[in-house]
N, C-alpha and C. Protein backbone atom coordinates (compact mmCIF):
# COMPACT_ATOMS: atom_id res chain seq x y z
N MET A 1 18.88 -51.04 -11.60
CA MET A 1 19.25 -52.34 -11.06
C MET A 1 18.05 -53.26 -11.10
N THR A 2 18.23 -54.46 -11.60
CA THR A 2 17.14 -55.40 -11.67
C THR A 2 17.50 -56.67 -10.95
N LYS A 3 16.47 -57.34 -10.43
CA LYS A 3 16.73 -58.58 -9.72
C LYS A 3 17.35 -59.62 -10.63
N GLY A 4 16.99 -59.57 -11.93
CA GLY A 4 17.52 -60.55 -12.84
C GLY A 4 19.03 -60.51 -12.94
N ALA A 5 19.64 -59.36 -12.60
CA ALA A 5 21.08 -59.23 -12.69
C ALA A 5 21.78 -59.73 -11.44
N VAL A 6 21.03 -60.14 -10.45
CA VAL A 6 21.60 -60.56 -9.17
C VAL A 6 21.61 -62.07 -9.06
N PRO A 7 22.79 -62.69 -8.80
CA PRO A 7 22.82 -64.15 -8.62
C PRO A 7 21.85 -64.57 -7.52
N LYS A 8 21.29 -65.78 -7.67
CA LYS A 8 20.26 -66.25 -6.75
C LYS A 8 20.74 -66.23 -5.31
N VAL A 9 21.97 -66.70 -5.07
CA VAL A 9 22.46 -66.76 -3.69
C VAL A 9 22.55 -65.36 -3.10
N ASN A 10 22.98 -64.37 -3.91
CA ASN A 10 23.06 -63.00 -3.42
C ASN A 10 21.69 -62.41 -3.16
N GLU A 11 20.72 -62.77 -4.01
CA GLU A 11 19.36 -62.27 -3.80
C GLU A 11 18.80 -62.79 -2.47
N ASP A 12 19.07 -64.05 -2.15
CA ASP A 12 18.61 -64.60 -0.87
C ASP A 12 19.24 -63.85 0.30
N VAL A 13 20.53 -63.54 0.18
CA VAL A 13 21.22 -62.80 1.25
C VAL A 13 20.59 -61.43 1.43
N GLN A 14 20.25 -60.79 0.32
CA GLN A 14 19.68 -59.45 0.40
C GLN A 14 18.25 -59.47 0.93
N GLN A 15 17.49 -60.48 0.56
CA GLN A 15 16.14 -60.63 1.11
C GLN A 15 16.21 -60.83 2.61
N ALA A 16 17.14 -61.67 3.06
CA ALA A 16 17.31 -61.89 4.50
C ALA A 16 17.73 -60.60 5.20
N MET A 17 18.57 -59.81 4.52
CA MET A 17 18.99 -58.52 5.07
C MET A 17 17.80 -57.60 5.30
N MET A 18 16.90 -57.52 4.31
CA MET A 18 15.73 -56.66 4.44
C MET A 18 14.85 -57.07 5.61
N LEU A 19 14.64 -58.37 5.77
CA LEU A 19 13.82 -58.86 6.87
C LEU A 19 14.46 -58.52 8.22
N ALA A 20 15.78 -58.74 8.31
CA ALA A 20 16.49 -58.46 9.57
C ALA A 20 16.45 -56.96 9.89
N TRP A 21 16.63 -56.13 8.87
CA TRP A 21 16.61 -54.68 9.09
C TRP A 21 15.23 -54.21 9.54
N ASN A 22 14.19 -54.79 9.00
CA ASN A 22 12.84 -54.43 9.44
C ASN A 22 12.62 -54.82 10.89
N ARG A 23 13.16 -55.97 11.29
CA ARG A 23 13.03 -56.37 12.71
C ARG A 23 13.75 -55.38 13.61
N VAL A 24 14.92 -54.96 13.19
CA VAL A 24 15.69 -53.99 13.99
C VAL A 24 14.93 -52.67 14.09
N LYS A 25 14.40 -52.19 12.97
CA LYS A 25 13.71 -50.90 12.96
C LYS A 25 12.45 -50.91 13.81
N ARG A 26 11.74 -52.03 13.79
CA ARG A 26 10.50 -52.11 14.57
C ARG A 26 10.78 -52.28 16.07
N GLY A 27 12.04 -52.47 16.41
CA GLY A 27 12.39 -52.61 17.82
C GLY A 27 12.03 -53.95 18.41
N ARG A 28 11.63 -54.90 17.53
CA ARG A 28 11.26 -56.23 18.03
C ARG A 28 12.49 -56.99 18.50
N THR A 29 13.65 -56.61 17.98
CA THR A 29 14.86 -57.30 18.36
C THR A 29 16.06 -56.39 18.19
N ARG A 30 17.02 -56.55 19.04
CA ARG A 30 18.30 -55.87 18.88
C ARG A 30 19.41 -56.91 18.90
N GLN A 31 19.11 -58.06 18.38
CA GLN A 31 20.05 -59.15 18.44
C GLN A 31 21.23 -58.90 17.52
N TRP A 32 22.39 -59.29 18.01
CA TRP A 32 23.61 -59.17 17.23
C TRP A 32 23.49 -59.95 15.93
N SER A 33 22.83 -61.10 15.98
CA SER A 33 22.71 -61.93 14.79
C SER A 33 21.98 -61.20 13.66
N ASP A 34 21.00 -60.37 14.00
CA ASP A 34 20.29 -59.61 12.96
C ASP A 34 21.22 -58.59 12.32
N TRP A 35 22.06 -57.96 13.13
CA TRP A 35 23.01 -57.01 12.57
C TRP A 35 23.99 -57.72 11.64
N MET A 36 24.37 -58.94 11.99
CA MET A 36 25.29 -59.69 11.13
C MET A 36 24.62 -60.03 9.79
N VAL A 37 23.34 -60.34 9.82
CA VAL A 37 22.61 -60.61 8.57
C VAL A 37 22.58 -59.34 7.71
N VAL A 38 22.32 -58.21 8.35
CA VAL A 38 22.33 -56.93 7.64
C VAL A 38 23.72 -56.68 7.04
N GLY A 39 24.74 -56.94 7.83
CA GLY A 39 26.11 -56.73 7.37
C GLY A 39 26.46 -57.59 6.16
N GLU A 40 26.01 -58.84 6.16
CA GLU A 40 26.28 -59.72 5.02
C GLU A 40 25.64 -59.18 3.75
N GLY A 41 24.43 -58.64 3.90
CA GLY A 41 23.78 -58.04 2.74
C GLY A 41 24.51 -56.79 2.25
N LEU A 42 24.98 -55.98 3.18
CA LEU A 42 25.71 -54.76 2.80
C LEU A 42 27.00 -55.10 2.05
N LEU A 43 27.64 -56.19 2.44
CA LEU A 43 28.85 -56.60 1.72
C LEU A 43 28.53 -56.95 0.27
N VAL A 44 27.39 -57.63 0.08
CA VAL A 44 26.95 -57.94 -1.29
C VAL A 44 26.70 -56.65 -2.07
N GLY A 45 26.03 -55.71 -1.43
CA GLY A 45 25.75 -54.44 -2.10
C GLY A 45 27.01 -53.66 -2.43
N ARG A 46 27.97 -53.69 -1.53
CA ARG A 46 29.23 -52.98 -1.79
C ARG A 46 29.97 -53.59 -2.99
N LYS A 47 30.00 -54.92 -3.05
CA LYS A 47 30.66 -55.58 -4.19
C LYS A 47 29.94 -55.24 -5.50
N TRP A 48 28.60 -55.24 -5.45
CA TRP A 48 27.83 -54.90 -6.65
C TRP A 48 28.16 -53.48 -7.12
N ALA A 49 28.21 -52.53 -6.17
CA ALA A 49 28.48 -51.14 -6.51
C ALA A 49 29.89 -50.98 -7.08
N MET A 50 30.84 -51.72 -6.54
CA MET A 50 32.21 -51.65 -7.06
C MET A 50 32.28 -52.18 -8.49
N ARG A 51 31.52 -53.25 -8.78
CA ARG A 51 31.50 -53.77 -10.15
C ARG A 51 30.87 -52.76 -11.10
N GLN A 52 29.76 -52.14 -10.65
CA GLN A 52 29.10 -51.16 -11.51
C GLN A 52 30.00 -49.97 -11.79
N ALA A 53 30.77 -49.56 -10.79
CA ALA A 53 31.64 -48.39 -10.93
C ALA A 53 33.00 -48.75 -11.52
N LYS A 54 33.24 -50.07 -11.72
CA LYS A 54 34.55 -50.55 -12.20
C LYS A 54 35.66 -50.02 -11.30
N ALA A 55 35.41 -50.14 -9.99
CA ALA A 55 36.36 -49.64 -8.99
C ALA A 55 36.99 -50.80 -8.23
N ASN A 56 38.25 -50.63 -7.86
CA ASN A 56 38.95 -51.64 -7.07
C ASN A 56 38.74 -51.46 -5.58
N ARG A 57 38.29 -50.28 -5.21
CA ARG A 57 38.03 -49.96 -3.81
C ARG A 57 36.66 -49.30 -3.68
N PRO A 58 36.02 -49.44 -2.53
CA PRO A 58 34.69 -48.84 -2.34
C PRO A 58 34.78 -47.33 -2.09
N GLU A 59 35.14 -46.60 -3.12
CA GLU A 59 35.28 -45.16 -2.99
C GLU A 59 35.13 -44.52 -4.36
N GLY A 60 34.93 -43.21 -4.36
CA GLY A 60 34.77 -42.48 -5.61
C GLY A 60 33.31 -42.17 -5.91
N ARG A 61 33.09 -41.20 -6.80
CA ARG A 61 31.74 -40.72 -7.10
C ARG A 61 30.89 -41.81 -7.73
N LYS A 62 31.45 -42.52 -8.71
CA LYS A 62 30.67 -43.56 -9.39
C LYS A 62 30.27 -44.66 -8.42
N TYR A 63 31.19 -45.02 -7.55
CA TYR A 63 30.87 -46.05 -6.55
C TYR A 63 29.76 -45.56 -5.63
N ALA A 64 29.87 -44.32 -5.16
CA ALA A 64 28.87 -43.77 -4.24
C ALA A 64 27.49 -43.75 -4.89
N LEU A 65 27.43 -43.36 -6.17
CA LEU A 65 26.14 -43.33 -6.87
C LEU A 65 25.56 -44.74 -6.99
N ALA A 66 26.41 -45.71 -7.33
CA ALA A 66 25.93 -47.08 -7.48
C ALA A 66 25.48 -47.66 -6.15
N PHE A 67 26.24 -47.39 -5.11
CA PHE A 67 25.89 -47.93 -3.78
C PHE A 67 24.59 -47.31 -3.28
N ASN A 68 24.42 -46.02 -3.51
CA ASN A 68 23.17 -45.37 -3.11
C ASN A 68 21.98 -45.95 -3.88
N GLU A 69 22.19 -46.27 -5.15
CA GLU A 69 21.13 -46.90 -5.95
C GLU A 69 20.76 -48.25 -5.34
N TRP A 70 21.78 -49.01 -4.98
CA TRP A 70 21.54 -50.33 -4.38
C TRP A 70 20.80 -50.20 -3.04
N LEU A 71 21.20 -49.23 -2.23
CA LEU A 71 20.55 -49.01 -0.93
C LEU A 71 19.06 -48.71 -1.12
N ARG A 72 18.73 -47.87 -2.11
CA ARG A 72 17.33 -47.55 -2.36
C ARG A 72 16.58 -48.78 -2.87
N ARG A 73 17.23 -49.53 -3.74
CA ARG A 73 16.58 -50.71 -4.33
C ARG A 73 16.19 -51.72 -3.26
N TRP A 74 17.05 -51.91 -2.28
CA TRP A 74 16.80 -52.91 -1.24
C TRP A 74 16.30 -52.28 0.06
N LYS A 75 15.83 -51.03 -0.03
CA LYS A 75 15.19 -50.35 1.10
C LYS A 75 16.10 -50.30 2.34
N MET A 76 17.36 -49.96 2.08
CA MET A 76 18.33 -49.82 3.17
C MET A 76 18.83 -48.39 3.29
N ASP A 77 18.21 -47.47 2.55
CA ASP A 77 18.69 -46.09 2.52
C ASP A 77 18.30 -45.30 3.76
N ASP A 78 17.49 -45.91 4.66
CA ASP A 78 17.12 -45.20 5.89
C ASP A 78 18.01 -45.62 7.06
N MET A 79 19.03 -46.37 6.80
CA MET A 79 19.96 -46.78 7.86
C MET A 79 20.95 -45.66 8.13
N ASP A 80 21.23 -45.42 9.40
CA ASP A 80 22.18 -44.38 9.79
C ASP A 80 23.54 -44.62 9.12
N LYS A 81 24.10 -43.59 8.50
CA LYS A 81 25.36 -43.74 7.77
C LYS A 81 26.50 -44.21 8.67
N SER A 82 26.53 -43.70 9.89
CA SER A 82 27.60 -44.09 10.81
C SER A 82 27.48 -45.56 11.19
N ASP A 83 26.26 -46.00 11.48
CA ASP A 83 26.04 -47.42 11.79
C ASP A 83 26.44 -48.29 10.61
N ARG A 84 26.07 -47.84 9.41
CA ARG A 84 26.38 -48.63 8.22
C ARG A 84 27.89 -48.75 8.01
N ALA A 85 28.60 -47.64 8.16
CA ALA A 85 30.05 -47.65 7.97
C ALA A 85 30.74 -48.54 9.01
N LYS A 86 30.30 -48.44 10.26
CA LYS A 86 30.92 -49.25 11.32
C LYS A 86 30.59 -50.73 11.14
N LEU A 87 29.37 -51.00 10.68
CA LEU A 87 28.98 -52.39 10.46
C LEU A 87 29.83 -53.02 9.36
N LEU A 88 30.09 -52.28 8.31
CA LEU A 88 30.94 -52.80 7.24
C LEU A 88 32.36 -53.04 7.74
N GLN A 89 32.86 -52.17 8.62
CA GLN A 89 34.19 -52.38 9.19
C GLN A 89 34.21 -53.63 10.07
N ILE A 90 33.14 -53.83 10.81
CA ILE A 90 33.03 -55.03 11.65
C ILE A 90 33.03 -56.28 10.78
N MET A 91 32.29 -56.23 9.67
CA MET A 91 32.20 -57.40 8.80
C MET A 91 33.56 -57.75 8.20
N GLU A 92 34.40 -56.76 7.98
CA GLU A 92 35.73 -57.02 7.44
C GLU A 92 36.60 -57.77 8.44
N GLU A 93 36.29 -57.64 9.72
CA GLU A 93 37.05 -58.34 10.76
C GLU A 93 36.16 -59.34 11.50
N ARG A 94 35.26 -59.93 10.77
CA ARG A 94 34.20 -60.75 11.38
C ARG A 94 34.72 -61.86 12.30
N LEU A 95 35.69 -62.62 11.84
CA LEU A 95 36.17 -63.74 12.65
C LEU A 95 36.80 -63.25 13.95
N ALA A 96 37.62 -62.21 13.85
CA ALA A 96 38.24 -61.67 15.07
C ALA A 96 37.19 -61.08 16.00
N VAL A 97 36.20 -60.43 15.42
CA VAL A 97 35.12 -59.84 16.21
C VAL A 97 34.34 -60.92 16.97
N GLU A 98 33.99 -62.00 16.28
CA GLU A 98 33.24 -63.07 16.94
C GLU A 98 34.06 -63.74 18.03
N GLU A 99 35.36 -63.90 17.77
CA GLU A 99 36.25 -64.46 18.78
C GLU A 99 36.27 -63.57 20.02
N TYR A 100 36.35 -62.28 19.82
CA TYR A 100 36.37 -61.32 20.91
C TYR A 100 35.05 -61.35 21.69
N ARG A 101 33.95 -61.38 20.97
CA ARG A 101 32.65 -61.39 21.63
C ARG A 101 32.45 -62.65 22.49
N GLN A 102 32.85 -63.79 21.95
CA GLN A 102 32.60 -65.04 22.64
C GLN A 102 33.55 -65.28 23.81
N ASN A 103 34.78 -64.84 23.71
CA ASN A 103 35.79 -65.21 24.70
C ASN A 103 36.28 -64.08 25.59
N VAL A 104 35.90 -62.85 25.27
CA VAL A 104 36.35 -61.72 26.09
C VAL A 104 35.18 -61.01 26.76
N LEU A 105 34.15 -60.71 26.00
CA LEU A 105 33.01 -60.00 26.57
C LEU A 105 32.20 -60.91 27.49
N THR A 106 31.63 -60.30 28.52
CA THR A 106 30.71 -61.04 29.38
C THR A 106 29.35 -61.14 28.68
N LYS A 107 28.49 -61.98 29.21
CA LYS A 107 27.15 -62.10 28.61
C LYS A 107 26.42 -60.77 28.66
N HIS A 108 26.58 -60.05 29.78
CA HIS A 108 25.92 -58.75 29.90
C HIS A 108 26.44 -57.79 28.83
N GLU A 109 27.75 -57.80 28.59
CA GLU A 109 28.32 -56.92 27.57
C GLU A 109 27.84 -57.33 26.18
N ARG A 110 27.75 -58.62 25.93
CA ARG A 110 27.26 -59.06 24.62
C ARG A 110 25.82 -58.62 24.41
N ASP A 111 25.02 -58.64 25.48
CA ASP A 111 23.61 -58.26 25.36
C ASP A 111 23.44 -56.75 25.17
N THR A 112 24.34 -55.97 25.76
CA THR A 112 24.19 -54.51 25.71
C THR A 112 24.94 -53.89 24.53
N LEU A 113 26.07 -54.47 24.16
CA LEU A 113 26.83 -53.95 23.01
C LEU A 113 26.32 -54.63 21.74
N ASN A 114 25.06 -54.39 21.44
CA ASN A 114 24.40 -55.14 20.38
C ASN A 114 24.04 -54.28 19.18
N SER A 115 24.78 -53.19 18.98
CA SER A 115 24.62 -52.38 17.78
C SER A 115 26.01 -52.06 17.25
N PRO A 116 26.15 -51.80 15.96
CA PRO A 116 27.48 -51.56 15.40
C PRO A 116 28.25 -50.44 16.09
N THR A 117 27.58 -49.33 16.37
CA THR A 117 28.28 -48.19 16.96
C THR A 117 28.76 -48.50 18.37
N LEU A 118 27.88 -49.08 19.19
CA LEU A 118 28.25 -49.41 20.57
C LEU A 118 29.39 -50.42 20.59
N PHE A 119 29.28 -51.44 19.78
CA PHE A 119 30.34 -52.45 19.78
C PHE A 119 31.64 -51.89 19.25
N TRP A 120 31.57 -51.07 18.21
CA TRP A 120 32.79 -50.55 17.59
C TRP A 120 33.62 -49.74 18.57
N ARG A 121 32.97 -48.99 19.41
CA ARG A 121 33.71 -48.20 20.43
C ARG A 121 34.50 -49.13 21.36
N LYS A 122 33.84 -50.18 21.80
CA LYS A 122 34.50 -51.15 22.69
C LYS A 122 35.61 -51.88 21.95
N TRP A 123 35.35 -52.24 20.73
CA TRP A 123 36.32 -52.99 19.93
C TRP A 123 37.57 -52.15 19.65
N ARG A 124 37.40 -50.90 19.33
CA ARG A 124 38.54 -50.02 19.04
C ARG A 124 39.39 -49.80 20.28
N ALA A 125 38.75 -49.80 21.45
CA ALA A 125 39.49 -49.56 22.69
C ALA A 125 40.29 -50.79 23.11
N SER A 126 40.00 -51.95 22.54
CA SER A 126 40.71 -53.17 22.90
C SER A 126 41.94 -53.34 22.01
N ASP A 127 42.78 -54.29 22.40
CA ASP A 127 43.92 -54.64 21.56
C ASP A 127 43.44 -55.70 20.58
N ARG A 128 42.99 -55.26 19.42
CA ARG A 128 42.35 -56.17 18.48
C ARG A 128 43.27 -57.26 17.97
N ARG A 129 44.56 -57.00 17.98
CA ARG A 129 45.50 -58.00 17.48
C ARG A 129 45.48 -59.28 18.32
N LYS A 130 45.13 -59.16 19.59
CA LYS A 130 45.09 -60.33 20.47
C LYS A 130 43.96 -61.28 20.11
N HIS A 131 42.98 -60.78 19.41
CA HIS A 131 41.77 -61.56 19.19
C HIS A 131 41.65 -62.09 17.77
N ARG A 132 42.74 -61.97 17.01
CA ARG A 132 42.70 -62.55 15.67
C ARG A 132 42.80 -64.07 15.80
N PRO A 133 41.74 -64.79 15.40
CA PRO A 133 41.69 -66.24 15.63
C PRO A 133 42.68 -67.02 14.78
N THR A 134 43.30 -68.00 15.38
CA THR A 134 44.22 -68.88 14.66
C THR A 134 44.00 -70.30 15.14
N GLY A 135 44.33 -71.26 14.29
CA GLY A 135 44.29 -72.66 14.68
C GLY A 135 42.94 -73.12 15.18
N THR A 136 42.93 -73.69 16.39
CA THR A 136 41.72 -74.26 16.98
C THR A 136 40.65 -73.20 17.16
N ARG A 137 41.03 -72.02 17.58
CA ARG A 137 40.05 -70.96 17.78
C ARG A 137 39.40 -70.56 16.46
N LEU A 138 40.18 -70.56 15.40
CA LEU A 138 39.62 -70.23 14.09
C LEU A 138 38.60 -71.28 13.65
N ARG A 139 38.92 -72.54 13.86
CA ARG A 139 37.99 -73.60 13.49
C ARG A 139 36.71 -73.51 14.31
N ARG A 140 36.85 -73.21 15.60
CA ARG A 140 35.67 -73.10 16.45
C ARG A 140 34.79 -71.92 16.02
N THR A 141 35.42 -70.83 15.70
CA THR A 141 34.66 -69.66 15.24
C THR A 141 33.96 -69.95 13.93
N ASN A 142 34.65 -70.64 13.03
CA ASN A 142 34.03 -71.01 11.76
C ASN A 142 32.83 -71.92 11.97
N GLU A 143 32.95 -72.85 12.90
CA GLU A 143 31.84 -73.75 13.20
C GLU A 143 30.65 -72.98 13.73
N GLN A 144 30.91 -71.99 14.59
CA GLN A 144 29.83 -71.17 15.12
C GLN A 144 29.14 -70.38 14.01
N LEU A 145 29.94 -69.84 13.09
CA LEU A 145 29.37 -69.07 11.99
C LEU A 145 28.56 -69.97 11.06
N GLN A 146 29.07 -71.16 10.79
CA GLN A 146 28.35 -72.09 9.93
C GLN A 146 27.02 -72.52 10.56
N ALA A 147 27.04 -72.70 11.88
CA ALA A 147 25.79 -73.06 12.56
C ALA A 147 24.78 -71.93 12.45
N ARG A 148 25.27 -70.70 12.56
CA ARG A 148 24.37 -69.55 12.43
C ARG A 148 23.81 -69.45 11.02
N VAL A 149 24.66 -69.71 10.02
CA VAL A 149 24.20 -69.69 8.63
C VAL A 149 23.09 -70.72 8.43
N ALA A 150 23.28 -71.92 9.00
CA ALA A 150 22.27 -72.97 8.88
C ALA A 150 20.96 -72.52 9.52
N GLU A 151 21.03 -71.84 10.66
CA GLU A 151 19.82 -71.35 11.32
C GLU A 151 19.11 -70.32 10.43
N LEU A 152 19.88 -69.44 9.83
CA LEU A 152 19.29 -68.41 8.97
C LEU A 152 18.66 -69.02 7.73
N GLU A 153 19.31 -70.03 7.17
CA GLU A 153 18.74 -70.70 6.00
C GLU A 153 17.43 -71.39 6.35
N GLU A 154 17.39 -71.99 7.55
CA GLU A 154 16.16 -72.64 7.99
C GLU A 154 15.05 -71.61 8.19
N GLU A 155 15.42 -70.47 8.77
CA GLU A 155 14.44 -69.39 8.96
C GLU A 155 13.94 -68.87 7.62
N ARG A 156 14.86 -68.72 6.66
CA ARG A 156 14.48 -68.25 5.33
C ARG A 156 13.51 -69.23 4.66
N ASP A 157 13.82 -70.52 4.76
CA ASP A 157 12.94 -71.53 4.14
C ASP A 157 11.56 -71.53 4.79
N GLY A 158 11.54 -71.34 6.12
CA GLY A 158 10.25 -71.27 6.81
C GLY A 158 9.43 -70.08 6.36
N LEU A 159 10.10 -68.94 6.16
CA LEU A 159 9.40 -67.74 5.69
C LEU A 159 8.89 -67.92 4.27
N LYS A 160 9.69 -68.57 3.42
CA LYS A 160 9.25 -68.82 2.05
C LYS A 160 8.01 -69.72 2.03
N ALA A 161 8.02 -70.76 2.87
CA ALA A 161 6.87 -71.66 2.93
C ALA A 161 5.63 -70.92 3.41
N HIS A 162 5.82 -70.03 4.40
CA HIS A 162 4.69 -69.26 4.92
C HIS A 162 4.12 -68.34 3.84
N ILE A 163 5.01 -67.69 3.09
CA ILE A 163 4.57 -66.81 2.00
C ILE A 163 3.82 -67.61 0.94
N HIS A 164 4.31 -68.81 0.63
CA HIS A 164 3.65 -69.66 -0.35
C HIS A 164 2.23 -70.02 0.10
N ASP A 165 2.09 -70.36 1.39
CA ASP A 165 0.77 -70.70 1.92
C ASP A 165 -0.17 -69.51 1.83
N LEU A 166 0.35 -68.32 2.16
CA LEU A 166 -0.49 -67.12 2.09
C LEU A 166 -0.92 -66.83 0.65
N GLU A 167 -0.01 -67.02 -0.29
CA GLU A 167 -0.35 -66.79 -1.70
C GLU A 167 -1.42 -67.76 -2.17
N GLN A 168 -1.33 -69.02 -1.75
CA GLN A 168 -2.34 -70.00 -2.13
C GLN A 168 -3.69 -69.66 -1.53
N ALA A 169 -3.69 -69.26 -0.25
CA ALA A 169 -4.94 -68.89 0.40
C ALA A 169 -5.58 -67.69 -0.29
N LEU A 170 -4.75 -66.73 -0.69
CA LEU A 170 -5.26 -65.54 -1.38
C LEU A 170 -5.84 -65.92 -2.74
N ALA A 171 -5.18 -66.82 -3.45
CA ALA A 171 -5.68 -67.25 -4.76
C ALA A 171 -7.02 -67.96 -4.63
N ILE A 172 -7.16 -68.80 -3.60
CA ILE A 172 -8.43 -69.50 -3.36
C ILE A 172 -9.54 -68.50 -3.04
N ALA A 173 -9.22 -67.53 -2.20
CA ALA A 173 -10.22 -66.52 -1.82
C ALA A 173 -10.67 -65.70 -3.03
N ARG A 174 -9.73 -65.35 -3.89
CA ARG A 174 -10.08 -64.59 -5.08
C ARG A 174 -10.94 -65.43 -6.02
N GLY A 175 -10.62 -66.72 -6.13
CA GLY A 175 -11.42 -67.61 -6.98
C GLY A 175 -12.85 -67.73 -6.48
N ASP A 176 -13.02 -67.88 -5.15
CA ASP A 176 -14.37 -67.96 -4.59
C ASP A 176 -15.16 -66.68 -4.85
N GLN A 177 -14.48 -65.54 -4.72
CA GLN A 177 -15.16 -64.27 -4.94
C GLN A 177 -15.60 -64.13 -6.40
N GLN A 178 -14.73 -64.53 -7.32
CA GLN A 178 -15.08 -64.44 -8.74
C GLN A 178 -16.26 -65.35 -9.09
N ARG A 179 -16.31 -66.54 -8.49
CA ARG A 179 -17.42 -67.45 -8.76
C ARG A 179 -18.73 -66.89 -8.24
N GLU A 180 -18.67 -66.18 -7.09
CA GLU A 180 -19.88 -65.58 -6.54
C GLU A 180 -20.38 -64.44 -7.43
N GLU A 181 -19.44 -63.66 -7.96
CA GLU A 181 -19.82 -62.51 -8.76
C GLU A 181 -20.21 -62.90 -10.18
N SER A 182 -19.63 -63.98 -10.72
CA SER A 182 -19.91 -64.40 -12.10
C SER A 182 -20.31 -65.86 -12.11
N PRO A 183 -21.62 -66.18 -12.23
CA PRO A 183 -22.05 -67.58 -12.27
C PRO A 183 -21.46 -68.27 -13.49
N ASP A 184 -21.22 -69.57 -13.35
CA ASP A 184 -20.63 -70.31 -14.47
C ASP A 184 -21.61 -70.36 -15.63
N PRO A 185 -21.10 -70.52 -16.88
CA PRO A 185 -21.95 -70.49 -18.10
C PRO A 185 -23.08 -71.50 -18.07
N ALA A 186 -22.86 -72.69 -17.53
CA ALA A 186 -23.90 -73.72 -17.51
C ALA A 186 -25.10 -73.26 -16.70
N THR A 187 -24.81 -72.62 -15.55
CA THR A 187 -25.89 -72.13 -14.70
C THR A 187 -26.65 -71.01 -15.39
N ALA A 188 -25.90 -70.11 -16.02
CA ALA A 188 -26.54 -68.99 -16.71
C ALA A 188 -27.42 -69.49 -17.84
N LYS A 189 -26.94 -70.51 -18.60
CA LYS A 189 -27.72 -71.07 -19.69
C LYS A 189 -28.99 -71.73 -19.20
N LEU A 190 -28.86 -72.45 -18.06
CA LEU A 190 -30.01 -73.12 -17.48
C LEU A 190 -31.09 -72.12 -17.09
N ARG A 191 -30.60 -70.99 -16.50
CA ARG A 191 -31.57 -69.96 -16.10
C ARG A 191 -32.27 -69.37 -17.32
N THR A 192 -31.50 -69.11 -18.38
CA THR A 192 -32.09 -68.55 -19.59
C THR A 192 -33.09 -69.52 -20.21
N GLY A 193 -32.73 -70.79 -20.25
CA GLY A 193 -33.62 -71.81 -20.79
C GLY A 193 -34.89 -71.92 -20.00
N SER A 194 -34.78 -71.81 -18.69
CA SER A 194 -35.96 -71.89 -17.83
C SER A 194 -36.91 -70.75 -18.11
N GLY A 195 -36.36 -69.55 -18.35
CA GLY A 195 -37.20 -68.40 -18.64
C GLY A 195 -37.94 -68.58 -19.95
N GLN A 196 -37.24 -69.15 -20.97
CA GLN A 196 -37.89 -69.37 -22.25
C GLN A 196 -38.99 -70.41 -22.14
N THR A 197 -38.76 -71.45 -21.35
CA THR A 197 -39.78 -72.49 -21.16
C THR A 197 -41.02 -71.92 -20.50
N ASP A 198 -40.84 -71.07 -19.51
CA ASP A 198 -41.97 -70.44 -18.82
C ASP A 198 -42.82 -69.64 -19.81
N THR A 199 -42.15 -68.94 -20.72
CA THR A 199 -42.87 -68.13 -21.70
C THR A 199 -43.70 -69.00 -22.63
N ILE A 200 -43.11 -70.10 -23.09
CA ILE A 200 -43.81 -71.02 -23.99
C ILE A 200 -45.04 -71.61 -23.31
N LEU A 201 -44.87 -72.04 -22.04
CA LEU A 201 -45.99 -72.62 -21.30
C LEU A 201 -47.11 -71.61 -21.11
N LYS A 202 -46.74 -70.37 -20.87
CA LYS A 202 -47.73 -69.31 -20.65
C LYS A 202 -48.57 -69.11 -21.90
N ILE A 203 -47.91 -69.11 -23.05
CA ILE A 203 -48.61 -68.92 -24.32
C ILE A 203 -49.55 -70.09 -24.59
N ALA A 204 -49.08 -71.31 -24.24
CA ALA A 204 -49.86 -72.52 -24.52
C ALA A 204 -51.15 -72.58 -23.72
N VAL A 205 -51.13 -72.07 -22.50
CA VAL A 205 -52.30 -72.20 -21.65
C VAL A 205 -53.26 -71.01 -21.78
N GLU A 206 -52.82 -69.95 -22.41
CA GLU A 206 -53.69 -68.80 -22.55
C GLU A 206 -54.78 -69.11 -23.58
N PRO A 207 -56.04 -68.73 -23.33
CA PRO A 207 -57.12 -69.00 -24.29
C PRO A 207 -56.93 -68.21 -25.57
N VAL A 208 -57.33 -68.84 -26.63
CA VAL A 208 -57.19 -68.17 -27.93
C VAL A 208 -58.43 -67.30 -28.17
N GLU A 209 -58.25 -66.07 -28.48
CA GLU A 209 -59.35 -65.14 -28.72
C GLU A 209 -59.85 -65.28 -30.18
N HIS A 210 -61.15 -65.41 -30.32
CA HIS A 210 -61.74 -65.52 -31.69
C HIS A 210 -62.42 -64.22 -32.03
């Protein structure tokens, strides 16, 4: 699998997924929003694997091999299989899930049910059909999701700018180091010329032996 084969928009989603997964693993955050970013990336990977396997459903040996390749490529192969499976199921019902989280769960429940496995248990125990958004609720949920997408895009752009600044600083530092280690040709020539001049002057002032 090569990056060149991945559409730009999908590559951005997968890069965001990797960053979010690293935050989760380091324990810096257990935010639901990070899990949703990871889930969006997994959906991209699942579609890619299905295309590679020429499968209509995410199943079968060829699909499994392709999906595992994608997981390794994007450094997602250390994610718990159960969490990954439940997260993909959640993503399939994303709108209903967000409706349920916002309008049924308390703030404390939203803060504590912040991993795919924990949330999935609660979600399965509920009557999920009641929370399928329609009409006004669907529009409101879509607006919330769009706002979150805008936040993630802004975060991505900020990270790209930061990386660009770091790359420029590194290039400048390397240039300074190279100049210190290798003097420019004009300086080297001047030094060589100075040495030759000193030799000529020395010969000129030395007395001639008869």
